[in-house]
Amino acid sequence: MGQFFKNIMLNKAMLFFVLPGAIWFLFFSYLPMLGTVIAFKEYRFSRDGFLASIIDSKWVGLDNFKFLFSTNDAYIITRNTVLYNFAFIVLGLILSVALAIVLSEIVNKRLAKVYQTGMFLPYFLSWVIVGYFAFSFLSYDKGVLNQILAWFGADPVQWYSESKYWPLFLILISLWKSIGYNSVIYLASITGIDKSLYEAAMIDGANKWQQIKSITIPMLKPLMTILTLLAIGRIFYADFGLFYQVPRDSGTLYSVTNVIDTYVYRGLKTTGEIGMSTAAGLYQSVVGFALVMTSNYIVRKYDKENALF
């Protein structure tokens, strides 16, 4: 114990810098974990406060979890959540790395910053605004796409009633919004690569593609692995704004836009069952944790240095 306090005193300056983040995690990440007990209760409000509400609520075991899988929508929402996130992870990784490499190769650094800022801007837009942008393109009466179709003599399309187009729309919109932010992370890593490696490659006669293949991508591999593992851990989470605001909550599109998060929200709005929504969050967290551990084990088995732990 004495050694413990001695280490604290020796590192008190560093611990002081860590303190704000530690407090944030304590109040917003660790203490709320105690509330997961609501997932196993039929939560009802009590006049005596939040803790009294939890204690007095009836214990129902796994009934809240059964609600998630007791309807025909269970397969649809799980399929949509996993497949969309899989597409976001794979395409986002490829395009973000490619974009970062392209930006790093631009000789005019001022022009590169302009491009970088332009691609980074969509990340800061709320999904409400993005939803209105999408509506300006997909509106039946005055949408840009229907005006283009009319110009070519084709009939307008009821985009918000045709579910077959929306998997492509959602993937493109998500990539447009996030790819700029993700590319900046890889671009920062590229700028940290030792320039002497490229100079040695040029002396050996390597062209630009060979330099990218033999130096840039291998140097980015650890970062790519870590970010992919973290993304896999959230594969059962969906971006609520993307799947709710952009399709404008159109009922005819539920077969391709309904995911776990939107399903829980609509269920909570209709029934008011907080226990059910807590069960869904716990289910997503547990599955995400299992996926991270499994993925990390696989990576560690084949490439120990690039594993998370």
Protein backbone atom coordinates (compact mmCIF):
# COMPACT_ATOMS: atom_id res chain seq x y z
CA MET A 1 0.00 0.00 0.00
CA GLY A 2 2.85 2.35 0.81
CA GLN A 3 4.36 1.75 -2.61
CA PHE A 4 0.98 2.54 -4.20
CA PHE A 5 0.76 6.00 -2.60
CA LYS A 6 4.43 6.58 -3.36
CA ASN A 7 3.78 5.95 -7.06
CA ILE A 8 0.85 8.36 -6.93
CA MET A 9 3.02 11.12 -5.47
CA LEU A 10 5.75 10.49 -8.06
CA ASN A 11 3.25 10.75 -10.92
CA LYS A 12 0.88 13.32 -9.43
CA ALA A 13 1.44 15.79 -12.28
CA MET A 14 0.44 13.25 -14.94
CA LEU A 15 -2.47 11.99 -12.84
CA PHE A 16 -3.71 15.57 -12.50
CA PHE A 17 -3.95 15.83 -16.30
CA VAL A 18 -5.81 12.51 -16.45
CA LEU A 19 -8.25 13.50 -13.67
CA PRO A 20 -10.85 15.36 -15.81
CA GLY A 21 -11.16 12.42 -18.21
CA ALA A 22 -11.32 9.95 -15.32
CA ILE A 23 -14.13 11.94 -13.68
CA TRP A 24 -16.03 12.09 -16.98
CA PHE A 25 -15.78 8.32 -17.43
CA LEU A 26 -16.79 7.74 -13.81
CA PHE A 27 -20.01 9.75 -14.03
CA PHE A 28 -21.04 9.05 -17.62
CA SER A 29 -19.70 5.53 -18.27
CA TYR A 30 -19.20 3.57 -15.05
CA LEU A 31 -21.90 4.82 -12.68
CA PRO A 32 -24.65 4.45 -15.34
CA MET A 33 -23.70 0.76 -15.62
CA LEU A 34 -25.52 0.24 -12.32
CA GLY A 35 -28.72 1.14 -14.15
CA THR A 36 -28.50 -1.98 -16.32
CA VAL A 37 -30.55 -3.73 -13.64
CA ILE A 38 -33.55 -1.95 -15.21
CA ALA A 39 -33.20 -4.36 -18.14
CA PHE A 40 -34.45 -7.12 -15.84
CA LYS A 41 -37.28 -5.14 -14.27
CA GLU A 42 -40.68 -3.76 -15.23
CA TYR A 43 -39.63 -0.21 -14.53
CA ARG A 44 -42.25 2.08 -13.05
CA PHE A 45 -41.75 5.64 -11.80
CA SER A 46 -41.97 6.31 -8.09
CA ARG A 47 -42.54 9.60 -6.32
CA ASP A 48 -39.65 8.78 -3.99
CA GLY A 49 -37.03 9.18 -6.70
CA PHE A 50 -35.02 7.24 -9.25
CA LEU A 51 -33.42 4.74 -6.85
CA ALA A 52 -36.78 3.99 -5.25
CA SER A 53 -38.24 3.43 -8.71
CA ILE A 54 -35.57 0.82 -9.47
CA ILE A 55 -35.96 -0.93 -6.11
CA ASP A 56 -39.77 -0.98 -6.16
CA SER A 57 -40.09 -2.07 -9.80
CA LYS A 58 -41.15 -5.66 -10.38
CA TRP A 59 -38.43 -8.17 -11.32
CA VAL A 60 -39.30 -9.77 -14.68
CA GLY A 61 -36.06 -11.57 -15.54
CA LEU A 62 -35.52 -11.93 -19.29
CA ASP A 63 -38.99 -10.78 -20.35
CA ASN A 64 -37.65 -7.48 -21.69
CA PHE A 65 -35.17 -9.37 -23.86
CA LYS A 66 -37.91 -11.64 -25.17
CA PHE A 67 -39.75 -8.57 -26.43
CA LEU A 68 -36.90 -7.83 -28.84
CA PHE A 69 -37.13 -11.25 -30.45
CA SER A 70 -40.82 -12.06 -30.09
CA THR A 71 -41.93 -10.32 -33.29
CA ASN A 72 -41.31 -10.87 -36.97
CA ASP A 73 -39.23 -7.68 -37.00
CA ALA A 74 -36.43 -9.23 -34.90
CA TYR A 75 -34.69 -10.80 -37.89
CA ILE A 76 -35.12 -7.69 -40.04
CA ILE A 77 -33.70 -5.21 -37.54
CA THR A 78 -30.77 -7.46 -36.66
CA ARG A 79 -29.98 -8.15 -40.31
CA ASN A 80 -30.19 -4.47 -41.26
CA THR A 81 -28.03 -3.36 -38.32
CA VAL A 82 -25.26 -5.87 -38.97
CA LEU A 83 -25.16 -5.65 -42.78
CA TYR A 84 -25.22 -1.86 -42.91
CA ASN A 85 -22.46 -1.58 -40.33
CA PHE A 86 -20.42 -4.21 -42.16
CA ALA A 87 -20.70 -2.16 -45.35
CA PHE A 88 -19.79 1.03 -43.46
CA ILE A 89 -16.71 -0.63 -41.92
CA VAL A 90 -15.35 -2.19 -45.12
CA LEU A 91 -16.09 0.67 -47.52
CA GLY A 92 -15.22 3.31 -44.93
CA LEU A 93 -11.82 1.73 -44.30
CA ILE A 94 -10.93 1.41 -47.98
CA LEU A 95 -12.12 4.88 -49.00
CA SER A 96 -10.71 6.66 -45.94
CA VAL A 97 -7.24 5.18 -46.45
CA ALA A 98 -7.37 5.87 -50.19
CA LEU A 99 -8.46 9.47 -49.62
CA ALA A 100 -5.76 10.03 -47.00
CA ILE A 101 -3.11 8.72 -49.38
CA VAL A 102 -4.37 10.96 -52.20
CA LEU A 103 -4.34 14.03 -49.94
CA SER A 104 -0.82 13.23 -48.76
CA GLU A 105 0.40 13.11 -52.36
CA ILE A 106 -0.90 16.56 -53.30
CA VAL A 107 2.12 18.80 -53.76
CA ASN A 108 0.27 22.09 -53.21
CA LYS A 109 -0.34 21.96 -49.45
CA ARG A 110 -2.71 24.95 -49.46
CA LEU A 111 -4.89 23.23 -52.02
CA ALA A 112 -4.69 20.02 -50.00
CA LYS A 113 -5.98 21.88 -46.92
CA VAL A 114 -8.89 23.26 -48.95
CA TYR A 115 -9.83 19.75 -50.10
CA GLN A 116 -9.38 18.40 -46.57
CA THR A 117 -11.60 21.09 -45.05
CA GLY A 118 -14.27 20.55 -47.67
CA MET A 119 -14.42 16.82 -47.02
CA PHE A 120 -14.23 17.30 -43.24
CA LEU A 121 -17.19 19.72 -43.13
CA PRO A 122 -20.04 17.17 -43.58
CA TYR A 123 -18.98 15.45 -40.35
CA PHE A 124 -20.15 18.49 -38.36
CA LEU A 125 -23.61 18.61 -39.94
CA SER A 126 -26.46 17.18 -37.88
CA TRP A 127 -28.54 14.38 -39.35
CA VAL A 128 -31.55 16.70 -39.36
CA ILE A 129 -29.78 19.00 -41.82
CA VAL A 130 -28.49 16.05 -43.84
CA GLY A 131 -32.05 14.70 -43.94
CA TYR A 132 -33.27 17.95 -45.49
CA PHE A 133 -30.39 17.87 -47.97
CA ALA A 134 -31.47 14.38 -48.98
CA PHE A 135 -35.08 15.51 -49.25
CA SER A 136 -34.06 18.31 -51.61
CA PHE A 137 -32.68 15.63 -53.93
CA LEU A 138 -35.37 12.99 -53.43
CA SER A 139 -38.58 15.02 -53.14
CA TYR A 140 -41.23 13.80 -55.57
CA ASP A 141 -42.35 17.26 -56.71
CA LYS A 142 -39.20 19.40 -56.72
CA GLY A 143 -36.38 16.97 -56.02
CA VAL A 144 -33.21 17.33 -58.06
CA LEU A 145 -33.18 13.67 -59.10
CA ASN A 146 -36.76 13.76 -60.39
CA GLN A 147 -36.02 16.97 -62.30
CA ILE A 148 -33.06 15.25 -63.94
CA LEU A 149 -35.28 12.28 -64.82
CA ALA A 150 -37.90 14.64 -66.28
CA TRP A 151 -35.20 16.33 -68.36
CA PHE A 152 -34.41 12.92 -69.91
CA GLY A 153 -38.12 12.24 -70.43
CA ALA A 154 -38.49 9.65 -67.65
CA ASP A 155 -41.28 9.51 -65.09
CA PRO A 156 -40.62 10.82 -61.55
CA VAL A 157 -40.02 8.28 -58.79
CA GLN A 158 -41.56 8.18 -55.34
CA TRP A 159 -38.18 7.75 -53.67
CA TYR A 160 -39.63 7.66 -50.15
CA SER A 161 -41.90 4.77 -51.11
CA GLU A 162 -39.39 2.65 -53.06
CA SER A 163 -37.38 0.61 -50.55
CA LYS A 164 -35.10 -0.99 -53.16
CA TYR A 165 -33.08 2.22 -53.60
CA TRP A 166 -32.48 3.00 -49.95
CA PRO A 167 -29.64 0.60 -49.05
CA LEU A 168 -27.52 2.42 -51.66
CA PHE A 169 -28.73 5.86 -50.52
CA LEU A 170 -27.98 5.20 -46.86
CA ILE A 171 -24.52 3.79 -47.54
CA LEU A 172 -23.58 6.71 -49.81
CA ILE A 173 -24.88 9.33 -47.36
CA SER A 174 -23.09 7.71 -44.42
CA LEU A 175 -19.80 7.53 -46.31
CA TRP A 176 -20.17 11.12 -47.52
CA LYS A 177 -20.62 12.31 -43.95
CA SER A 178 -17.91 10.26 -42.23
CA ILE A 179 -15.16 9.58 -44.75
CA GLY A 180 -13.57 13.02 -44.44
CA TYR A 181 -13.21 12.73 -40.67
CA ASN A 182 -11.78 9.21 -40.85
CA SER A 183 -9.33 10.18 -43.58
CA VAL A 184 -7.86 12.90 -41.35
CA ILE A 185 -6.91 10.24 -38.80
CA TYR A 186 -5.04 8.23 -41.41
CA LEU A 187 -3.55 11.37 -42.92
CA ALA A 188 -2.07 12.31 -39.54
CA SER A 189 -0.48 8.87 -39.36
CA ILE A 190 0.91 9.19 -42.89
CA THR A 191 2.60 12.49 -42.06
CA GLY A 192 4.40 10.74 -39.21
CA ILE A 193 6.04 8.17 -41.46
CA ASP A 194 9.81 8.64 -41.78
CA LYS A 195 10.49 10.36 -45.11
CA SER A 196 13.84 8.58 -45.41
CA LEU A 197 11.93 5.38 -46.17
CA TYR A 198 10.45 6.93 -49.29
CA GLU A 199 13.81 8.39 -50.28
CA ALA A 200 15.44 4.97 -50.00
CA ALA A 201 12.61 3.47 -52.06
CA MET A 202 13.04 6.09 -54.80
CA ILE A 203 16.79 5.39 -54.91
CA ASP A 204 15.94 1.71 -55.43
CA GLY A 205 13.71 2.69 -58.35
CA ALA A 206 10.30 2.24 -56.72
CA ASN A 207 7.47 4.16 -58.37
CA LYS A 208 4.68 5.90 -56.43
CA TRP A 209 2.36 2.89 -56.33
CA GLN A 210 5.17 0.63 -55.12
CA GLN A 211 5.98 3.13 -52.37
CA ILE A 212 2.35 3.18 -51.26
CA LYS A 213 2.08 -0.61 -51.34
CA SER A 214 5.39 -1.31 -49.61
CA ILE A 215 5.67 1.60 -47.16
CA THR A 216 2.46 3.60 -46.62
CA ILE A 217 -0.06 0.79 -46.27
CA PRO A 218 2.15 -1.44 -44.05
CA MET A 219 2.84 1.56 -41.78
CA LEU A 220 -0.90 2.25 -41.56
CA LYS A 221 -1.74 -1.37 -40.81
CA PRO A 222 -1.63 -1.09 -36.97
CA LEU A 223 -3.97 1.93 -36.99
CA MET A 224 -6.27 0.28 -39.51
CA THR A 225 -6.46 -2.83 -37.33
CA ILE A 226 -7.23 -0.92 -34.12
CA LEU A 227 -9.92 1.26 -35.68
CA THR A 228 -11.50 -1.76 -37.37
CA LEU A 229 -11.59 -3.69 -34.10
CA LEU A 230 -13.26 -0.76 -32.36
CA ALA A 231 -15.77 -0.46 -35.21
CA ILE A 232 -16.57 -4.18 -34.98
CA GLY A 233 -17.38 -3.66 -31.30
CA ARG A 234 -20.18 -1.28 -32.35
CA ILE A 235 -21.51 -3.38 -35.22
CA PHE A 236 -24.77 -3.91 -33.30
CA TYR A 237 -25.19 -0.16 -32.88
CA ALA A 238 -26.70 1.93 -35.65
CA ASP A 239 -26.50 5.66 -36.23
CA PHE A 240 -30.00 6.65 -35.14
CA GLY A 241 -30.02 9.92 -37.09
CA LEU A 242 -29.06 8.24 -40.34
CA PHE A 243 -31.82 5.62 -40.18
CA TYR A 244 -34.52 7.84 -38.69
CA GLN A 245 -34.03 11.39 -39.98
CA VAL A 246 -32.80 10.71 -43.52
CA PRO A 247 -35.66 8.34 -44.56
CA ARG A 248 -38.06 10.72 -42.74
CA ASP A 249 -39.49 7.81 -40.73
CA SER A 250 -41.31 6.51 -43.78
CA GLY A 251 -43.25 3.36 -42.90
CA THR A 252 -42.92 1.92 -46.39
CA LEU A 253 -39.13 1.86 -45.99
CA TYR A 254 -39.00 -0.01 -42.65
CA SER A 255 -37.93 -3.25 -44.33
CA VAL A 256 -34.56 -1.67 -45.25
CA THR A 257 -34.25 1.25 -42.79
CA ASN A 258 -35.47 -0.25 -39.51
CA VAL A 259 -32.54 -1.10 -37.22
CA ILE A 260 -32.29 -2.00 -33.54
CA ASP A 261 -31.98 1.61 -32.39
CA THR A 262 -34.96 2.91 -34.35
CA TYR A 263 -37.04 -0.12 -33.40
CA VAL A 264 -36.37 0.45 -29.72
CA TYR A 265 -37.14 4.17 -30.05
CA ARG A 266 -40.47 3.51 -31.70
CA GLY A 267 -41.26 0.85 -29.13
CA LEU A 268 -40.36 3.21 -26.28
CA LYS A 269 -42.42 6.00 -27.82
CA THR A 270 -45.42 3.70 -28.23
CA THR A 271 -45.32 1.65 -25.01
CA GLY A 272 -43.12 3.76 -22.72
CA GLU A 273 -41.29 0.62 -21.56
CA ILE A 274 -37.91 1.86 -20.30
CA GLY A 275 -36.94 -1.68 -19.28
CA MET A 276 -37.22 -2.83 -22.88
CA SER A 277 -34.95 -0.06 -24.18
CA THR A 278 -32.42 -0.77 -21.42
CA ALA A 279 -32.46 -4.45 -22.36
CA ALA A 280 -31.72 -3.54 -25.97
CA GLY A 281 -28.79 -1.35 -24.93
CA LEU A 282 -27.40 -4.11 -22.70
CA TYR A 283 -27.82 -6.66 -25.49
CA GLN A 284 -25.90 -4.42 -27.90
CA SER A 285 -23.13 -3.81 -25.36
CA VAL A 286 -22.66 -7.48 -24.47
CA VAL A 287 -22.59 -8.59 -28.10
CA GLY A 288 -20.23 -5.74 -28.98
CA PHE A 289 -17.90 -6.72 -26.14
CA ALA A 290 -17.91 -10.34 -27.29
CA LEU A 291 -17.14 -9.29 -30.87
CA VAL A 292 -14.23 -7.08 -29.80
CA MET A 293 -12.75 -9.85 -27.65
CA THR A 294 -13.17 -12.44 -30.41
CA SER A 295 -11.76 -10.18 -33.13
CA ASN A 296 -8.84 -9.16 -30.93
CA TYR A 297 -8.09 -12.81 -30.15
CA ILE A 298 -7.99 -13.62 -33.87
CA VAL A 299 -5.72 -10.65 -34.63
CA ARG A 300 -3.49 -11.45 -31.66
CA LYS A 301 -3.14 -15.04 -32.81
CA TYR A 302 -1.82 -14.05 -36.25
CA ASP A 303 -0.25 -10.63 -35.58
CA LYS A 304 0.32 -9.99 -31.89
CA GLU A 305 1.82 -6.53 -32.34
CA ASN A 306 -1.32 -5.11 -33.99
CA ALA A 307 -3.81 -6.41 -31.40
CA LEU A 308 -5.55 -4.05 -28.99
CA PHE A 309 -4.24 -5.99 -25.96
